[in-house]
Amino acid sequence: MKLRRLILPALILLACTAASAAPLPSVSVNFGKSPTGPGLSTALQAAMVLTILTLAPTILMTMTSFTRMVVVMHFLRQGLGTQQTPSNQVLISLSLVLTFFVMGPTINEINTQVIQPLNRNELTVDQAFERTGAPLKVFMLRHTRKKDLSLFLRLAKAPAPQTKADVPMAALLPAFMISELKTAFEIGFMIFLPFLVVDMVVASVLLSMGMMMLPPVVISLPFKVLLFVMVDGWYLIVSSLVRGYTG
């Protein structure tokens, strides 16, 4: 069924939930039969699609590179002082495009190991959930600081994991998020510095000329935009963000 192609994010969320949740009473669900074996009914597929439409923002922000991308973009706009240019829609769209680019290898791995075998009825739903979480866990561990992960393992009073597969998702998710926020703020600080220098120079010149009633921000804005264009700022920032994951 074509609807099966839309259950990837649902598999991601359910796999992470299953990895971190306490044991629950077993529940038996009949998914029906297909010509080659057990299959998901159309009604269940539709329910999973509706579920993912609701939970997609949470999945996007907690398990992908989207948080770092969008925070850095907002730092850039604040540094430029251009108010609503680029608009929130533009910044979020650019962050989404960069996120899909960065997450491409992980998504392709999930598609190869989970979605396609599931479409061919070579996997059970439980096996699909388990396989979906593995590539995401590898991606998040690669970009999570050991200090942050140790903090949440200690707070959860969880035993030290012997392998990467043993890391509980309940501790990995918050550790990954604060690691991403720290990195985004570091990049934002480096972005702010040259714009701050421009503001200080313009303010000093205006003060020396006795033009104290003229807001320095109004004069410095075109100089900051010119500086950003001359150094090809979009190229530098986007290449830095992407190489932070793929380099």
Protein backbone atom coordinates (compact mmCIF):
# COMPACT_ATOMS: atom_id res chain seq x y z
CA MET A 1 0.00 0.00 0.00
CA LYS A 2 1.24 3.51 -0.76
CA LEU A 3 0.27 4.66 2.70
CA ARG A 4 3.05 2.54 4.12
CA ARG A 5 5.58 5.02 2.81
CA LEU A 6 4.15 7.61 5.18
CA ILE A 7 4.66 5.63 8.38
CA LEU A 8 8.45 6.29 8.63
CA PRO A 9 8.16 9.11 11.18
CA ALA A 10 5.66 7.07 13.17
CA LEU A 11 8.13 4.20 13.28
CA ILE A 12 10.81 6.61 14.49
CA LEU A 13 8.68 7.94 17.33
CA LEU A 14 7.32 4.57 18.38
CA ALA A 15 10.75 2.97 18.31
CA CYS A 16 12.15 5.66 20.60
CA THR A 17 9.15 5.42 22.90
CA ALA A 18 9.42 1.66 23.09
CA ALA A 19 13.12 1.92 23.92
CA SER A 20 12.59 4.27 26.86
CA ALA A 21 9.23 3.23 28.30
CA ALA A 22 8.65 0.86 31.21
CA PRO A 23 7.33 -2.64 30.44
CA LEU A 24 3.62 -2.64 29.69
CA PRO A 25 1.05 -5.43 29.67
CA SER A 26 1.12 -7.29 26.38
CA VAL A 27 -1.59 -6.42 23.89
CA SER A 28 -2.40 -8.51 20.84
CA VAL A 29 -3.42 -6.68 17.67
CA ASN A 30 -4.54 -8.37 14.46
CA PHE A 31 -3.12 -6.55 11.43
CA GLY A 32 -4.88 -8.78 8.92
CA LYS A 33 -3.36 -10.89 6.19
CA SER A 34 -1.76 -10.10 2.85
CA PRO A 35 -1.04 -12.56 0.03
CA THR A 36 2.54 -12.99 1.32
CA GLY A 37 1.89 -12.85 5.05
CA PRO A 38 0.81 -10.49 7.84
CA GLY A 39 0.14 -6.94 6.76
CA LEU A 40 -1.07 -3.60 8.08
CA SER A 41 -4.71 -2.86 7.43
CA THR A 42 -5.66 0.31 5.58
CA ALA A 43 -7.43 1.63 8.67
CA LEU A 44 -4.31 1.18 10.81
CA GLN A 45 -2.10 2.83 8.20
CA ALA A 46 -4.46 5.81 8.07
CA ALA A 47 -4.39 6.04 11.88
CA MET A 48 -0.58 6.05 11.88
CA VAL A 49 -0.50 8.79 9.24
CA LEU A 50 -2.87 10.96 11.30
CA THR A 51 -0.77 10.33 14.38
CA ILE A 52 2.44 11.40 12.69
CA LEU A 53 0.85 14.59 11.38
CA THR A 54 0.29 15.56 15.01
CA LEU A 55 3.65 14.43 16.37
CA ALA A 56 5.89 15.42 13.44
CA PRO A 57 7.07 18.74 15.01
CA THR A 58 8.20 16.94 18.17
CA ILE A 59 10.05 14.28 16.18
CA LEU A 60 11.69 16.93 14.01
CA MET A 61 12.98 19.01 16.92
CA THR A 62 14.13 16.21 19.21
CA MET A 63 15.83 13.72 16.88
CA THR A 64 17.21 15.72 13.95
CA SER A 65 19.51 18.66 13.24
CA PHE A 66 16.58 21.08 12.91
CA THR A 67 17.05 22.71 16.33
CA ARG A 68 20.63 23.79 15.62
CA MET A 69 19.73 25.06 12.17
CA VAL A 70 16.80 27.24 13.21
CA VAL A 71 18.54 28.68 16.30
CA VAL A 72 21.57 29.72 14.25
CA MET A 73 19.34 31.32 11.61
CA HIS A 74 17.58 33.41 14.25
CA PHE A 75 20.93 34.46 15.73
CA LEU A 76 21.97 35.58 12.26
CA ARG A 77 18.87 37.71 11.82
CA GLN A 78 19.31 39.29 15.25
CA GLY A 79 22.94 40.04 14.49
CA LEU A 80 22.06 41.72 11.21
CA GLY A 81 19.31 43.70 12.93
CA THR A 82 16.98 43.34 9.96
CA GLN A 83 13.91 42.75 12.16
CA GLN A 84 11.67 40.43 10.11
CA THR A 85 13.93 39.95 7.08
CA PRO A 86 14.29 37.10 6.29
CA SER A 87 10.87 36.21 7.64
CA ASN A 88 10.22 33.32 10.02
CA GLN A 89 8.74 31.31 7.16
CA VAL A 90 11.92 31.70 5.11
CA LEU A 91 14.22 30.80 8.01
CA ILE A 92 12.18 27.75 8.98
CA SER A 93 11.95 26.58 5.35
CA LEU A 94 15.72 26.91 4.92
CA SER A 95 16.27 25.05 8.20
CA LEU A 96 13.96 22.27 7.02
CA VAL A 97 15.76 21.92 3.69
CA LEU A 98 19.15 21.76 5.43
CA THR A 99 17.78 19.26 7.96
CA PHE A 100 16.54 16.91 5.22
CA PHE A 101 19.92 17.23 3.48
CA VAL A 102 21.84 16.39 6.65
CA MET A 103 19.48 13.57 7.65
CA GLY A 104 19.47 12.11 4.11
CA PRO A 105 21.88 9.21 4.82
CA THR A 106 20.00 8.27 8.00
CA ILE A 107 16.63 8.39 6.23
CA ASN A 108 17.97 6.32 3.33
CA GLU A 109 19.28 3.72 5.78
CA ILE A 110 15.89 3.51 7.50
CA ASN A 111 14.18 3.24 4.12
CA THR A 112 16.50 0.41 3.03
CA GLN A 113 16.45 -1.54 6.28
CA VAL A 114 12.89 -0.89 7.45
CA ILE A 115 10.42 0.59 4.98
CA GLN A 116 11.23 -1.51 1.94
CA PRO A 117 11.35 -4.83 3.86
CA LEU A 118 8.11 -3.84 5.60
CA ASN A 119 6.44 -3.19 2.25
CA ARG A 120 7.57 -6.65 1.13
CA ASN A 121 6.17 -8.12 4.36
CA GLU A 122 9.65 -9.35 5.34
CA LEU A 123 9.48 -7.71 8.78
CA THR A 124 7.03 -7.72 11.61
CA VAL A 125 5.93 -4.41 13.10
CA ASP A 126 7.99 -5.06 16.24
CA GLN A 127 11.11 -5.70 14.18
CA ALA A 128 10.48 -2.54 12.18
CA PHE A 129 10.27 -0.46 15.38
CA GLU A 130 13.53 -1.91 16.66
CA ARG A 131 15.43 -1.37 13.41
CA THR A 132 14.16 2.20 13.00
CA GLY A 133 15.64 3.37 16.29
CA ALA A 134 19.17 2.10 15.58
CA PRO A 135 20.22 4.55 12.80
CA LEU A 136 18.73 7.50 14.69
CA LYS A 137 20.56 6.50 17.84
CA VAL A 138 23.85 6.35 15.93
CA PHE A 139 23.25 9.84 14.51
CA MET A 140 22.35 11.36 17.88
CA LEU A 141 25.26 9.71 19.70
CA ARG A 142 27.68 11.06 17.11
CA HIS A 143 26.59 14.63 17.90
CA THR A 144 25.97 14.36 21.65
CA ARG A 145 28.59 15.41 24.15
CA LYS A 146 29.66 12.70 26.60
CA LYS A 147 29.28 15.22 29.43
CA ASP A 148 25.61 15.82 28.60
CA LEU A 149 24.87 12.12 28.18
CA SER A 150 26.56 11.31 31.49
CA LEU A 151 24.44 13.97 33.19
CA PHE A 152 21.14 12.42 32.17
CA LEU A 153 22.34 8.87 32.82
CA ARG A 154 23.26 10.00 36.31
CA LEU A 155 19.96 11.81 36.83
CA ALA A 156 18.04 8.74 35.65
CA LYS A 157 20.21 6.53 37.91
CA ALA A 158 20.75 4.27 34.93
CA PRO A 159 23.71 1.87 34.77
CA ALA A 160 26.61 2.84 32.55
CA PRO A 161 25.95 1.42 29.05
CA GLN A 162 28.48 -1.10 27.81
CA THR A 163 27.82 -0.39 24.11
CA LYS A 164 26.15 2.33 22.09
CA ALA A 165 23.12 0.11 21.61
CA ASP A 166 22.66 0.00 25.39
CA VAL A 167 22.23 3.78 25.70
CA PRO A 168 18.62 4.42 26.78
CA MET A 169 16.70 6.74 24.50
CA ALA A 170 15.17 8.49 27.53
CA ALA A 171 18.63 9.83 28.45
CA LEU A 172 19.90 10.29 24.89
CA LEU A 173 17.10 12.58 23.68
CA PRO A 174 17.56 15.41 26.24
CA ALA A 175 21.35 15.06 26.06
CA PHE A 176 21.24 15.42 22.28
CA MET A 177 19.03 18.50 22.50
CA ILE A 178 21.18 20.43 24.98
CA SER A 179 24.29 19.50 23.00
CA GLU A 180 22.67 20.93 19.88
CA LEU A 181 21.65 24.09 21.74
CA LYS A 182 25.17 24.59 23.10
CA THR A 183 26.67 24.24 19.63
CA ALA A 184 24.06 26.61 18.16
CA PHE A 185 24.82 29.27 20.78
CA GLU A 186 28.55 28.95 20.12
CA ILE A 187 27.96 29.53 16.41
CA GLY A 188 25.58 32.39 17.22
CA PHE A 189 28.25 34.09 19.35
CA MET A 190 30.75 33.92 16.50
CA ILE A 191 28.13 35.38 14.15
CA PHE A 192 27.38 38.27 16.49
CA LEU A 193 31.00 39.41 16.92
CA PRO A 194 31.62 41.08 13.52
CA PHE A 195 28.21 42.77 13.60
CA LEU A 196 28.90 44.05 17.11
CA VAL A 197 32.17 45.58 15.92
CA VAL A 198 30.33 47.39 13.12
CA ASP A 199 27.76 48.74 15.61
CA MET A 200 30.51 49.98 17.94
CA VAL A 201 32.43 51.70 15.14
CA VAL A 202 29.32 53.45 13.82
CA ALA A 203 28.27 54.53 17.33
CA SER A 204 31.74 55.94 18.01
CA VAL A 205 31.76 57.89 14.74
CA LEU A 206 28.31 59.35 15.39
CA LEU A 207 29.28 60.31 18.94
CA SER A 208 32.45 62.03 17.76
CA MET A 209 30.40 64.00 15.21
CA GLY A 210 27.90 65.07 17.85
CA MET A 211 25.04 63.27 16.16
CA MET A 212 23.73 61.70 19.35
CA MET A 213 20.08 61.96 18.34
CA LEU A 214 20.55 59.68 15.30
CA PRO A 215 20.11 55.97 16.20
CA PRO A 216 23.35 54.11 15.39
CA VAL A 217 21.34 51.02 14.36
CA VAL A 218 19.84 52.90 11.43
CA ILE A 219 23.29 53.84 10.10
CA SER A 220 25.00 50.51 10.84
CA LEU A 221 22.34 48.35 9.18
CA PRO A 222 23.42 48.94 5.55
CA PHE A 223 27.07 48.47 6.52
CA LYS A 224 26.29 45.13 8.20
CA VAL A 225 24.30 43.95 5.18
CA LEU A 226 27.15 45.04 2.88
CA LEU A 227 29.70 43.20 5.03
CA PHE A 228 27.54 40.05 5.04
CA VAL A 229 27.17 40.13 1.24
CA MET A 230 30.86 40.83 0.61
CA VAL A 231 32.04 37.83 2.64
CA ASP A 232 29.33 35.62 1.08
CA GLY A 233 27.75 35.05 4.47
CA TRP A 234 25.07 32.57 3.45
CA TYR A 235 27.69 30.29 1.89
CA LEU A 236 29.90 30.44 4.98
CA ILE A 237 27.11 29.80 7.47
CA VAL A 238 25.38 27.02 5.55
CA SER A 239 28.65 25.25 4.76
CA SER A 240 29.68 25.49 8.41
CA LEU A 241 26.36 24.07 9.62
CA VAL A 242 26.33 21.17 7.17
CA ARG A 243 30.00 20.28 7.66
CA GLY A 244 29.36 20.17 11.38
CA TYR A 245 27.38 17.01 10.69
CA THR A 246 29.02 15.57 7.61
CA GLY A 247 32.62 16.76 7.93
